[in-house]
N, C-alpha and C. Protein backbone atom coordinates (compact mmCIF):
# COMPACT_ATOMS: atom_id res chain seq x y z
N UNK A 1 102.11 60.54 85.42
CA UNK A 1 102.31 60.20 83.97
C UNK A 1 102.40 61.32 83.16
N UNK A 2 103.08 61.11 81.91
CA UNK A 2 103.12 62.14 80.90
C UNK A 2 102.45 61.68 79.70
N UNK A 3 101.43 62.37 79.13
CA UNK A 3 100.64 61.97 77.96
C UNK A 3 100.79 63.06 76.93
N UNK A 4 101.26 62.76 75.66
CA UNK A 4 101.40 63.66 74.53
C UNK A 4 100.30 63.44 73.49
N UNK A 5 99.89 64.54 72.97
CA UNK A 5 98.77 64.56 71.94
C UNK A 5 99.40 64.83 70.69
N UNK A 6 98.38 65.02 69.66
CA UNK A 6 98.87 65.20 68.16
C UNK A 6 99.45 66.48 67.94
N UNK A 7 99.30 67.48 68.82
CA UNK A 7 99.92 68.76 68.59
C UNK A 7 101.26 68.84 69.27
N UNK A 8 101.78 67.79 69.80
CA UNK A 8 103.07 67.67 70.52
C UNK A 8 102.98 68.39 71.87
N UNK A 9 101.86 68.77 72.34
CA UNK A 9 101.58 69.31 73.67
C UNK A 9 101.36 68.12 74.58
N UNK A 10 101.91 68.13 75.79
CA UNK A 10 101.91 66.98 76.71
C UNK A 10 101.46 67.35 78.08
N UNK A 11 100.65 66.61 78.69
CA UNK A 11 100.12 66.97 80.00
C UNK A 11 100.82 65.97 81.05
N UNK A 12 101.32 66.56 82.17
CA UNK A 12 101.78 65.72 83.34
C UNK A 12 100.62 65.70 84.24
N UNK A 13 100.14 64.46 84.60
CA UNK A 13 99.08 64.17 85.45
C UNK A 13 99.48 63.62 86.75
N UNK A 14 98.80 64.07 87.85
CA UNK A 14 99.10 63.64 89.16
C UNK A 14 97.75 63.56 89.95
N UNK A 15 97.39 62.38 90.40
CA UNK A 15 96.10 62.22 91.09
C UNK A 15 96.12 61.83 92.52
N UNK A 16 97.29 61.87 93.17
CA UNK A 16 97.53 61.48 94.49
C UNK A 16 96.78 62.54 95.45
N UNK A 17 95.78 61.94 96.19
CA UNK A 17 95.05 62.99 97.02
C UNK A 17 95.73 63.45 98.37
N UNK A 18 96.88 62.69 98.61
CA UNK A 18 97.64 63.03 99.88
C UNK A 18 98.97 63.70 99.67
N UNK A 19 99.70 63.17 98.59
CA UNK A 19 101.07 63.66 98.55
C UNK A 19 101.41 64.49 97.41
N UNK A 20 102.31 65.59 97.56
CA UNK A 20 102.72 66.41 96.51
C UNK A 20 103.79 65.60 95.68
N UNK A 21 103.82 65.75 94.33
CA UNK A 21 104.77 65.07 93.48
C UNK A 21 105.92 66.03 93.10
N UNK A 22 107.09 65.65 93.27
CA UNK A 22 108.26 66.39 92.72
C UNK A 22 109.14 65.45 91.93
N UNK A 23 109.41 65.76 90.76
CA UNK A 23 110.21 64.85 89.90
C UNK A 23 110.77 65.48 88.60
N UNK A 24 111.08 64.63 87.71
CA UNK A 24 111.60 64.99 86.38
C UNK A 24 111.04 64.24 85.30
N UNK A 25 110.68 64.96 84.15
CA UNK A 25 110.16 64.25 82.99
C UNK A 25 111.19 64.38 81.86
N UNK A 26 111.10 63.30 80.98
CA UNK A 26 112.18 63.28 80.00
C UNK A 26 111.61 62.56 78.72
N UNK A 27 111.90 63.13 77.54
CA UNK A 27 111.50 62.45 76.27
C UNK A 27 112.60 62.26 75.41
N UNK A 28 112.71 61.15 74.68
CA UNK A 28 113.71 60.83 73.77
C UNK A 28 113.12 60.32 72.46
N UNK A 29 113.77 60.57 71.34
CA UNK A 29 113.41 59.85 70.12
C UNK A 29 114.20 58.59 69.88
N UNK A 30 113.53 57.47 69.53
CA UNK A 30 114.18 56.19 69.42
C UNK A 30 114.04 55.76 67.93
N UNK A 31 115.13 55.75 67.28
CA UNK A 31 115.10 55.29 65.77
C UNK A 31 115.11 53.76 65.66
N UNK A 32 113.89 53.18 65.30
CA UNK A 32 113.85 51.68 65.33
C UNK A 32 114.69 50.97 64.28
N UNK A 33 115.11 51.74 63.22
CA UNK A 33 115.88 50.93 62.18
C UNK A 33 117.35 50.66 62.62
N UNK A 34 117.88 51.46 63.55
CA UNK A 34 119.27 51.32 64.07
C UNK A 34 119.40 51.37 65.60
N UNK A 35 118.23 51.54 66.29
CA UNK A 35 118.22 51.64 67.74
C UNK A 35 118.97 52.82 68.32
N UNK A 36 119.11 53.88 67.50
CA UNK A 36 119.79 55.04 68.07
C UNK A 36 118.82 55.84 68.87
N UNK A 37 119.20 56.45 70.05
CA UNK A 37 118.33 57.28 70.82
C UNK A 37 118.84 58.72 70.81
N UNK A 38 117.97 59.59 70.64
CA UNK A 38 118.35 61.05 70.58
C UNK A 38 117.53 61.74 71.67
N UNK A 39 118.13 62.54 72.64
CA UNK A 39 117.50 63.21 73.60
C UNK A 39 116.61 64.31 72.98
N UNK A 40 115.46 64.49 73.55
CA UNK A 40 114.43 65.48 72.93
C UNK A 40 114.14 66.55 73.93
N UNK A 41 113.48 66.22 74.96
CA UNK A 41 113.08 67.25 75.99
C UNK A 41 113.12 66.80 77.35
N UNK A 42 113.12 67.69 78.30
CA UNK A 42 113.17 67.27 79.66
C UNK A 42 112.95 68.52 80.61
N UNK A 43 112.63 68.33 81.88
CA UNK A 43 112.30 69.30 82.84
C UNK A 43 111.89 68.84 84.04
N UNK A 44 111.96 69.71 85.11
CA UNK A 44 111.50 69.31 86.46
C UNK A 44 110.06 69.75 86.71
N UNK A 45 109.44 69.14 87.62
CA UNK A 45 108.12 69.31 87.74
C UNK A 45 107.65 69.17 89.21
N UNK A 46 106.75 70.03 89.67
CA UNK A 46 106.17 69.85 91.03
C UNK A 46 104.65 70.04 90.82
N UNK A 47 103.89 69.06 91.34
CA UNK A 47 102.43 69.07 91.34
C UNK A 47 101.94 68.92 92.65
N UNK A 48 100.98 69.73 93.06
CA UNK A 48 100.36 69.75 94.40
C UNK A 48 99.49 68.53 94.49
N UNK A 49 99.15 68.08 95.68
CA UNK A 49 98.34 66.92 95.93
C UNK A 49 96.97 67.25 95.39
N UNK A 50 96.18 66.18 95.16
CA UNK A 50 94.76 66.36 94.76
C UNK A 50 94.51 65.74 93.42
N UNK A 51 93.31 65.21 93.18
CA UNK A 51 92.99 64.64 91.92
C UNK A 51 92.82 65.69 90.85
N UNK A 52 93.31 65.34 89.64
CA UNK A 52 93.22 66.27 88.59
C UNK A 52 94.34 67.32 88.45
N UNK A 53 95.22 67.17 89.25
CA UNK A 53 96.39 68.04 89.22
C UNK A 53 97.19 67.83 87.84
N UNK A 54 97.60 68.86 87.11
CA UNK A 54 98.34 68.64 85.88
C UNK A 54 99.05 69.86 85.49
N UNK A 55 99.94 69.63 84.45
CA UNK A 55 100.82 70.75 84.01
C UNK A 55 101.29 70.51 82.58
N UNK A 56 101.01 71.42 81.72
CA UNK A 56 101.29 71.30 80.35
C UNK A 56 102.74 71.63 79.92
N UNK A 57 103.32 70.82 78.97
CA UNK A 57 104.64 71.13 78.43
C UNK A 57 104.67 70.70 77.02
N UNK A 58 105.71 71.12 76.25
CA UNK A 58 105.90 70.62 74.89
C UNK A 58 106.74 69.38 74.91
N UNK A 59 106.54 68.49 73.94
CA UNK A 59 107.36 67.23 73.82
C UNK A 59 108.83 67.49 73.85
N UNK A 60 109.27 68.56 73.19
CA UNK A 60 110.71 68.82 73.15
C UNK A 60 111.12 69.89 74.22
N UNK A 61 110.13 70.36 75.01
CA UNK A 61 110.55 71.23 76.15
C UNK A 61 110.99 72.63 75.65
N UNK A 62 110.84 72.95 74.45
CA UNK A 62 111.45 74.19 73.90
C UNK A 62 110.53 75.48 73.97
N UNK A 63 109.23 75.13 73.84
CA UNK A 63 108.24 76.39 73.67
C UNK A 63 107.19 76.24 74.83
N UNK A 64 106.53 77.40 75.04
CA UNK A 64 105.21 77.25 75.88
C UNK A 64 104.30 76.32 75.33
N UNK A 65 103.57 75.66 76.16
CA UNK A 65 102.68 74.55 75.67
C UNK A 65 101.65 74.96 74.67
N UNK A 66 101.33 76.31 74.63
CA UNK A 66 100.41 76.72 73.58
C UNK A 66 101.06 76.95 72.26
N UNK A 67 102.31 76.89 72.05
CA UNK A 67 102.97 77.04 70.79
C UNK A 67 104.06 76.07 70.56
N UNK A 68 103.68 74.76 70.72
CA UNK A 68 104.69 73.69 70.56
C UNK A 68 105.10 73.47 69.10
N UNK A 69 106.39 73.16 68.93
CA UNK A 69 106.87 72.73 67.63
C UNK A 69 106.08 71.50 67.17
N UNK A 70 105.83 71.36 65.92
CA UNK A 70 105.14 70.15 65.47
C UNK A 70 106.09 68.83 65.50
N UNK A 71 105.44 67.73 65.52
CA UNK A 71 106.22 66.57 65.46
C UNK A 71 107.16 66.54 64.21
N UNK A 72 106.64 66.95 63.06
CA UNK A 72 107.35 66.91 61.82
C UNK A 72 108.57 67.78 61.89
N UNK A 73 108.51 68.93 62.58
CA UNK A 73 109.66 69.77 62.73
C UNK A 73 110.71 69.06 63.72
N UNK A 74 110.20 68.58 64.78
CA UNK A 74 111.03 67.82 65.78
C UNK A 74 111.77 66.68 65.17
N UNK A 75 111.00 65.92 64.43
CA UNK A 75 111.61 64.67 63.94
C UNK A 75 112.70 65.00 62.88
N UNK A 76 112.33 65.96 62.04
CA UNK A 76 113.39 66.35 60.99
C UNK A 76 114.61 66.83 61.64
N UNK A 77 114.50 67.58 62.72
CA UNK A 77 115.72 68.20 63.30
C UNK A 77 116.61 67.20 63.96
N UNK A 78 116.01 66.00 64.29
CA UNK A 78 116.75 65.06 65.03
C UNK A 78 117.08 63.70 64.29
N UNK A 79 116.98 63.82 62.86
CA UNK A 79 117.46 62.80 62.06
C UNK A 79 116.46 61.55 61.77
N UNK A 80 115.16 62.04 62.09
CA UNK A 80 114.09 61.02 61.89
C UNK A 80 113.28 61.39 60.61
N UNK A 81 112.56 60.45 60.05
CA UNK A 81 111.67 60.74 58.93
C UNK A 81 110.61 61.66 59.48
N UNK A 82 110.21 62.69 58.66
CA UNK A 82 109.27 63.67 59.12
C UNK A 82 107.89 63.01 59.32
N UNK A 83 107.64 61.94 58.80
CA UNK A 83 106.27 61.34 59.04
C UNK A 83 106.20 60.33 60.17
N UNK A 84 107.40 60.26 60.92
CA UNK A 84 107.44 59.42 62.08
C UNK A 84 107.55 57.89 61.88
N UNK A 85 107.76 57.53 60.52
CA UNK A 85 107.81 56.10 60.17
C UNK A 85 109.01 55.32 60.74
N UNK A 86 110.02 56.04 61.10
CA UNK A 86 111.24 55.28 61.53
C UNK A 86 111.62 55.54 62.92
N UNK A 87 110.73 56.36 63.66
CA UNK A 87 111.08 56.78 65.06
C UNK A 87 109.90 56.60 65.96
N UNK A 88 110.16 56.33 67.22
CA UNK A 88 109.10 56.35 68.28
C UNK A 88 109.58 57.31 69.31
N UNK A 89 108.79 57.70 70.16
CA UNK A 89 109.15 58.59 71.33
C UNK A 89 109.13 57.82 72.67
N UNK A 90 110.25 57.82 73.34
CA UNK A 90 110.30 57.15 74.64
C UNK A 90 109.93 58.29 75.77
N UNK A 91 109.06 58.00 76.63
CA UNK A 91 108.63 58.92 77.64
C UNK A 91 108.92 58.40 79.04
N UNK A 92 109.52 59.16 79.90
CA UNK A 92 109.79 58.71 81.33
C UNK A 92 109.54 59.85 82.27
N UNK A 93 109.00 59.44 83.47
CA UNK A 93 108.85 60.36 84.57
C UNK A 93 109.43 59.69 85.76
N UNK A 94 110.36 60.39 86.50
CA UNK A 94 110.96 59.86 87.66
C UNK A 94 110.59 60.81 88.89
N UNK A 95 110.63 60.17 90.00
CA UNK A 95 110.39 61.07 91.22
C UNK A 95 111.63 61.67 91.75
N UNK A 96 111.57 62.22 92.94
CA UNK A 96 112.75 63.00 93.44
C UNK A 96 113.83 61.99 93.89
N UNK A 97 113.55 60.71 94.01
CA UNK A 97 114.59 59.70 94.41
C UNK A 97 115.09 58.97 93.06
N UNK A 98 114.70 59.47 91.91
CA UNK A 98 115.22 58.95 90.75
C UNK A 98 114.45 57.61 90.29
N UNK A 99 113.40 57.28 90.99
CA UNK A 99 112.61 56.03 90.57
C UNK A 99 111.60 56.39 89.56
N UNK A 100 111.45 55.36 88.57
CA UNK A 100 110.51 55.54 87.51
C UNK A 100 109.08 55.42 87.98
N UNK A 101 108.25 56.38 87.66
CA UNK A 101 106.86 56.28 87.98
C UNK A 101 106.00 56.12 86.64
N UNK A 102 106.64 56.52 85.56
CA UNK A 102 106.07 56.32 84.34
C UNK A 102 107.13 56.13 83.23
N UNK A 103 107.02 55.07 82.45
CA UNK A 103 107.89 54.80 81.32
C UNK A 103 107.17 54.04 80.24
N UNK A 104 107.11 54.75 79.05
CA UNK A 104 106.41 54.02 77.99
C UNK A 104 106.84 54.66 76.63
N UNK A 105 106.47 53.90 75.58
CA UNK A 105 106.77 54.18 74.16
C UNK A 105 105.56 54.81 73.50
N UNK A 106 105.66 55.90 72.73
CA UNK A 106 104.56 56.47 72.02
C UNK A 106 104.92 56.35 70.51
N UNK A 107 104.15 55.76 69.77
CA UNK A 107 104.24 55.68 68.31
C UNK A 107 103.75 56.99 67.68
N UNK A 108 104.48 57.46 66.63
CA UNK A 108 104.18 58.63 66.02
C UNK A 108 103.48 58.40 64.70
N UNK A 109 103.15 57.26 64.29
CA UNK A 109 102.35 56.86 63.13
C UNK A 109 101.84 55.43 63.27
N UNK A 110 100.81 55.10 62.66
CA UNK A 110 100.29 53.70 62.75
C UNK A 110 101.41 52.70 62.41
N UNK A 111 101.28 51.55 62.94
CA UNK A 111 102.26 50.35 62.73
C UNK A 111 102.41 50.07 61.34
N UNK A 112 101.26 50.08 60.63
CA UNK A 112 101.44 49.71 59.18
C UNK A 112 102.28 50.61 58.33
N UNK A 113 102.51 51.83 58.86
CA UNK A 113 103.36 52.77 58.10
C UNK A 113 104.75 52.93 58.71
N UNK A 114 105.00 52.20 59.78
CA UNK A 114 106.44 52.19 60.29
C UNK A 114 107.40 51.29 59.53
N UNK A 115 108.62 51.78 59.49
CA UNK A 115 109.71 51.15 58.83
C UNK A 115 110.34 49.96 59.86
N UNK A 116 109.48 49.01 60.05
CA UNK A 116 109.85 47.96 61.11
C UNK A 116 110.96 47.03 60.61
N UNK A 117 112.06 46.83 61.27
CA UNK A 117 113.01 45.90 60.81
C UNK A 117 112.48 44.58 60.89
N UNK A 118 112.44 43.82 59.69
CA UNK A 118 111.81 42.55 59.60
C UNK A 118 112.75 41.32 59.75
N UNK A 119 114.00 41.69 59.81
CA UNK A 119 115.02 40.46 59.88
C UNK A 119 115.49 40.31 61.24
N UNK A 120 114.93 41.02 62.27
CA UNK A 120 115.49 40.75 63.65
C UNK A 120 114.99 39.42 64.21
N UNK A 121 115.84 38.89 64.92
CA UNK A 121 115.48 37.58 65.61
C UNK A 121 115.54 37.72 67.08
N UNK A 122 114.46 37.42 67.78
CA UNK A 122 114.43 37.58 69.27
C UNK A 122 114.30 36.07 69.91
N UNK A 123 115.12 35.81 70.77
CA UNK A 123 115.13 34.53 71.40
C UNK A 123 115.08 34.73 72.97
N UNK A 124 114.80 33.75 73.76
CA UNK A 124 114.58 33.76 75.18
C UNK A 124 115.32 32.60 75.76
N UNK A 125 116.07 32.74 76.83
CA UNK A 125 116.72 31.67 77.45
C UNK A 125 116.24 31.65 79.00
N UNK A 126 115.77 30.56 79.46
CA UNK A 126 115.35 30.41 80.86
C UNK A 126 116.40 29.93 81.78
N UNK A 127 116.62 30.63 82.97
CA UNK A 127 117.60 30.32 83.80
C UNK A 127 117.42 28.74 84.29
N UNK A 128 118.50 28.21 84.76
CA UNK A 128 118.31 26.71 85.12
C UNK A 128 117.95 26.40 86.46
N UNK A 129 117.62 27.56 87.28
CA UNK A 129 117.22 27.48 88.64
C UNK A 129 116.29 28.54 89.06
N UNK A 130 115.47 28.40 90.01
CA UNK A 130 114.63 29.32 90.55
C UNK A 130 115.38 30.31 91.46
N UNK A 131 114.94 31.57 91.50
CA UNK A 131 115.48 32.58 92.43
C UNK A 131 114.94 32.19 93.85
N UNK A 132 115.52 32.86 94.81
CA UNK A 132 115.11 32.59 96.32
C UNK A 132 113.62 32.77 96.52
N UNK A 133 113.05 33.83 95.75
CA UNK A 133 111.62 34.21 95.97
C UNK A 133 110.75 33.40 94.94
N UNK A 134 111.29 32.26 94.39
CA UNK A 134 110.62 31.37 93.49
C UNK A 134 110.33 31.82 92.13
N UNK A 135 110.78 33.17 91.76
CA UNK A 135 110.61 33.73 90.45
C UNK A 135 111.66 33.01 89.56
N UNK A 136 111.54 33.17 88.24
CA UNK A 136 112.40 32.50 87.33
C UNK A 136 112.85 33.52 86.31
N UNK A 137 114.21 33.66 86.17
CA UNK A 137 114.71 34.65 85.28
C UNK A 137 114.71 34.19 83.83
N UNK A 138 114.24 35.05 82.94
CA UNK A 138 114.23 34.69 81.55
C UNK A 138 115.03 35.93 80.81
N UNK A 139 116.11 35.49 80.06
CA UNK A 139 116.91 36.47 79.35
C UNK A 139 116.44 36.54 77.89
N UNK A 140 115.97 37.70 77.51
CA UNK A 140 115.46 37.92 76.12
C UNK A 140 116.57 38.67 75.30
N UNK A 141 116.79 38.16 74.16
CA UNK A 141 117.94 38.58 73.28
C UNK A 141 117.50 39.02 72.02
N UNK A 142 117.91 40.17 71.53
CA UNK A 142 117.56 40.64 70.12
C UNK A 142 118.92 40.76 69.34
N UNK A 143 119.00 39.90 68.28
CA UNK A 143 120.23 39.83 67.51
C UNK A 143 120.39 41.09 66.59
N UNK A 144 119.35 41.87 66.39
CA UNK A 144 119.36 43.11 65.62
C UNK A 144 119.33 42.93 64.14
N UNK A 145 119.04 41.70 63.64
CA UNK A 145 118.89 41.43 62.23
C UNK A 145 120.40 41.61 61.49
N UNK A 146 120.45 41.62 60.20
CA UNK A 146 121.64 41.60 59.47
C UNK A 146 122.65 42.65 59.83
N UNK A 147 122.06 43.86 60.13
CA UNK A 147 122.90 44.96 60.49
C UNK A 147 123.30 45.05 61.94
N UNK A 148 122.55 44.21 62.75
CA UNK A 148 122.81 44.22 64.15
C UNK A 148 122.24 45.21 65.07
N UNK A 149 121.45 46.18 64.41
CA UNK A 149 120.93 47.31 65.26
C UNK A 149 119.45 47.46 65.18
N UNK A 150 118.72 46.67 64.53
CA UNK A 150 117.19 46.72 64.43
C UNK A 150 116.51 46.54 65.68
N UNK A 151 115.52 47.43 65.93
CA UNK A 151 114.77 47.23 67.19
C UNK A 151 113.67 46.28 67.01
N UNK A 152 113.44 45.53 68.00
CA UNK A 152 112.24 44.56 68.02
C UNK A 152 111.12 45.24 68.84
N UNK A 153 109.91 45.30 68.10
CA UNK A 153 108.76 46.03 68.66
C UNK A 153 107.84 45.09 69.38
N UNK A 154 107.38 45.58 70.48
CA UNK A 154 106.39 44.81 71.34
C UNK A 154 106.66 43.42 71.53
N UNK A 155 107.85 43.19 72.11
CA UNK A 155 108.26 41.79 72.44
C UNK A 155 107.40 41.27 73.55
N UNK A 156 106.77 40.12 73.34
CA UNK A 156 105.98 39.51 74.32
C UNK A 156 106.20 38.03 74.61
N UNK A 157 106.23 37.76 75.87
CA UNK A 157 106.53 36.36 76.28
C UNK A 157 105.26 35.68 76.59
N UNK A 158 105.04 34.41 76.18
CA UNK A 158 103.83 33.69 76.35
C UNK A 158 104.19 32.26 76.82
N UNK A 159 103.38 31.77 77.79
CA UNK A 159 103.69 30.36 78.32
C UNK A 159 102.36 29.83 78.83
N UNK A 160 102.41 28.45 78.86
CA UNK A 160 101.29 27.73 79.29
C UNK A 160 101.20 27.58 80.88
N UNK A 161 102.35 27.99 81.52
CA UNK A 161 102.54 27.87 82.93
C UNK A 161 101.76 28.99 83.65
N UNK A 162 101.26 28.59 84.85
CA UNK A 162 100.46 29.66 85.64
C UNK A 162 101.37 30.75 86.21
N UNK A 163 101.18 31.88 85.81
CA UNK A 163 102.00 33.06 86.32
C UNK A 163 101.93 34.18 85.29
N UNK A 164 102.71 35.29 85.64
CA UNK A 164 102.85 36.40 84.71
C UNK A 164 104.34 36.91 84.67
N UNK A 165 104.68 37.60 83.53
CA UNK A 165 105.97 38.08 83.42
C UNK A 165 105.98 39.66 83.90
N UNK A 166 106.99 40.01 84.57
CA UNK A 166 106.96 41.36 85.19
C UNK A 166 107.02 42.47 84.18
N UNK A 167 107.29 42.11 82.92
CA UNK A 167 107.19 43.12 81.86
C UNK A 167 106.90 42.37 80.58
N UNK A 168 105.99 42.95 79.79
CA UNK A 168 105.71 42.35 78.58
C UNK A 168 105.22 43.49 77.48
N UNK A 169 105.32 43.21 76.30
CA UNK A 169 104.97 44.13 75.27
C UNK A 169 106.06 45.33 75.16
N UNK A 170 107.30 44.92 75.40
CA UNK A 170 108.27 45.96 75.42
C UNK A 170 109.17 46.13 74.15
N UNK A 171 109.85 47.21 73.89
CA UNK A 171 110.78 47.33 72.77
C UNK A 171 112.17 46.94 73.20
N UNK A 172 112.86 46.27 72.37
CA UNK A 172 114.18 45.85 72.65
C UNK A 172 115.24 46.18 71.61
N UNK A 173 116.22 47.07 71.95
CA UNK A 173 117.16 47.51 70.96
C UNK A 173 117.93 46.44 70.39
N UNK A 174 118.43 46.65 69.21
CA UNK A 174 119.18 45.61 68.48
C UNK A 174 120.54 45.29 69.20
N UNK A 175 120.94 44.06 69.26
CA UNK A 175 122.17 43.69 69.93
C UNK A 175 122.26 43.87 71.36
N UNK A 176 121.00 43.82 71.96
CA UNK A 176 120.98 43.95 73.47
C UNK A 176 120.07 42.78 74.01
N UNK A 177 120.12 42.61 75.33
CA UNK A 177 119.39 41.57 76.04
C UNK A 177 118.59 42.29 77.28
N UNK A 178 117.70 41.60 77.76
CA UNK A 178 116.93 42.12 78.96
C UNK A 178 116.49 40.88 79.72
N UNK A 179 116.67 40.96 81.07
CA UNK A 179 116.19 39.90 81.96
C UNK A 179 114.81 40.28 82.52
N UNK A 180 113.90 39.30 82.27
CA UNK A 180 112.46 39.41 82.71
C UNK A 180 112.18 38.38 83.69
N UNK A 181 111.62 38.67 84.83
CA UNK A 181 111.22 37.70 85.88
C UNK A 181 109.90 37.09 85.51
N UNK A 182 109.68 35.79 85.58
CA UNK A 182 108.51 35.14 85.63
C UNK A 182 108.03 34.96 87.09
N UNK A 183 106.78 35.53 87.29
CA UNK A 183 106.27 35.47 88.64
C UNK A 183 105.11 34.38 88.64
N UNK A 184 105.42 33.14 89.22
CA UNK A 184 104.46 32.16 89.29
C UNK A 184 103.26 32.40 90.27
N UNK A 185 102.06 31.89 89.87
CA UNK A 185 100.98 32.08 90.84
C UNK A 185 101.14 31.23 92.07
N UNK A 186 100.90 31.71 93.17
CA UNK A 186 100.99 30.95 94.41
C UNK A 186 99.95 30.10 94.71
N UNK A 187 99.62 29.22 93.76
CA UNK A 187 98.52 28.22 93.83
C UNK A 187 99.04 26.88 93.25
N UNK A 188 98.96 25.86 94.03
CA UNK A 188 99.32 24.54 93.53
C UNK A 188 100.95 24.47 93.44
N UNK A 189 101.37 23.52 92.66
CA UNK A 189 102.77 23.18 92.47
C UNK A 189 103.39 24.21 91.61
N UNK A 190 104.45 24.83 92.06
CA UNK A 190 105.09 25.85 91.22
C UNK A 190 105.83 25.25 90.15
N UNK A 191 105.89 25.94 88.96
CA UNK A 191 106.60 25.31 87.76
C UNK A 191 108.20 25.33 87.90
N UNK A 192 108.72 24.38 87.30
CA UNK A 192 110.18 24.26 87.23
C UNK A 192 110.63 25.04 86.05
N UNK A 193 111.99 25.47 86.08
CA UNK A 193 112.34 26.14 84.90
C UNK A 193 112.29 25.37 83.55
N UNK A 194 112.49 24.15 83.77
CA UNK A 194 112.38 23.32 82.49
C UNK A 194 111.04 23.31 81.97
N UNK A 195 109.94 23.41 82.80
CA UNK A 195 108.59 23.40 82.40
C UNK A 195 108.30 24.66 81.61
N UNK A 196 108.81 25.80 82.26
CA UNK A 196 108.58 27.09 81.68
C UNK A 196 109.29 27.19 80.26
N UNK A 197 110.53 26.57 80.19
CA UNK A 197 111.23 26.68 78.87
C UNK A 197 110.44 25.78 77.83
N UNK A 198 109.79 24.78 78.20
CA UNK A 198 109.20 23.92 77.28
C UNK A 198 108.00 24.52 76.55
N UNK A 199 107.33 25.46 77.18
CA UNK A 199 106.11 26.06 76.56
C UNK A 199 106.26 27.57 76.29
N UNK A 200 107.52 28.02 76.50
CA UNK A 200 107.75 29.51 76.28
C UNK A 200 107.84 29.85 74.74
N UNK A 201 107.09 30.93 74.51
CA UNK A 201 107.01 31.45 73.10
C UNK A 201 107.30 32.95 73.15
N UNK A 202 108.16 33.46 72.17
CA UNK A 202 108.48 34.80 72.04
C UNK A 202 107.79 35.39 70.87
N UNK A 203 107.03 36.41 70.94
CA UNK A 203 106.37 37.16 69.93
C UNK A 203 106.91 38.58 69.77
N UNK A 204 106.99 39.05 68.46
CA UNK A 204 107.17 40.50 68.29
C UNK A 204 106.60 40.86 66.94
N UNK A 205 106.44 42.16 66.64
CA UNK A 205 105.65 42.64 65.52
C UNK A 205 106.22 42.09 64.22
N UNK A 206 107.59 41.97 64.01
CA UNK A 206 108.12 41.66 62.73
C UNK A 206 107.79 40.26 62.33
N UNK A 207 107.45 39.40 63.26
CA UNK A 207 107.11 37.93 62.87
C UNK A 207 105.85 37.98 61.99
N UNK A 208 104.89 38.84 62.31
CA UNK A 208 103.69 38.92 61.55
C UNK A 208 103.69 39.69 60.35
N UNK A 209 104.85 40.24 59.90
CA UNK A 209 104.94 41.17 58.76
C UNK A 209 105.80 40.64 57.75
N UNK A 210 106.54 39.59 58.06
CA UNK A 210 107.54 39.02 57.10
C UNK A 210 106.85 38.36 55.97
């Protein structure tokens, strides 16, 4: 994983006691008002096996970790508000095969100070049939609001049916959709798609701020 602190210095952590890790880290700025993504920093990394292995980098990859550019400077240089109110940072780490081992969003200011698009509408459509493995596909759609580009923050799917969604609490760019699988519990009678649809609710931050 890659964890960044208030000084824009980030540590790559690896705790596998058996295997060496080789991969790539990447950071991007994501402007939530129009869903524009700006590349920020990236680099390759090799960490030896063993608990506590780590390596320090700067969020933008430009300076030694002891002299990182401030978030204010990085944000301003990439078209974001200097206080971080309209942008978040997307962090990913992939292994040597290109598979994600870490992917998350980092807020750069408290939610109450963020310029969250309040007019976005997020809906979910349940597939009419189960997959071969008994999972059920749910397509989540963000209309992007009046401008069509507003990001929906922390989209969460909730249901009364027994099971979990493979991903939850995610960001969804305006004008895009994402397919999330519902994984039913292997206990008792499995839910039908119509039952899932009947109790399905979609939450995101803007609902509670309007």
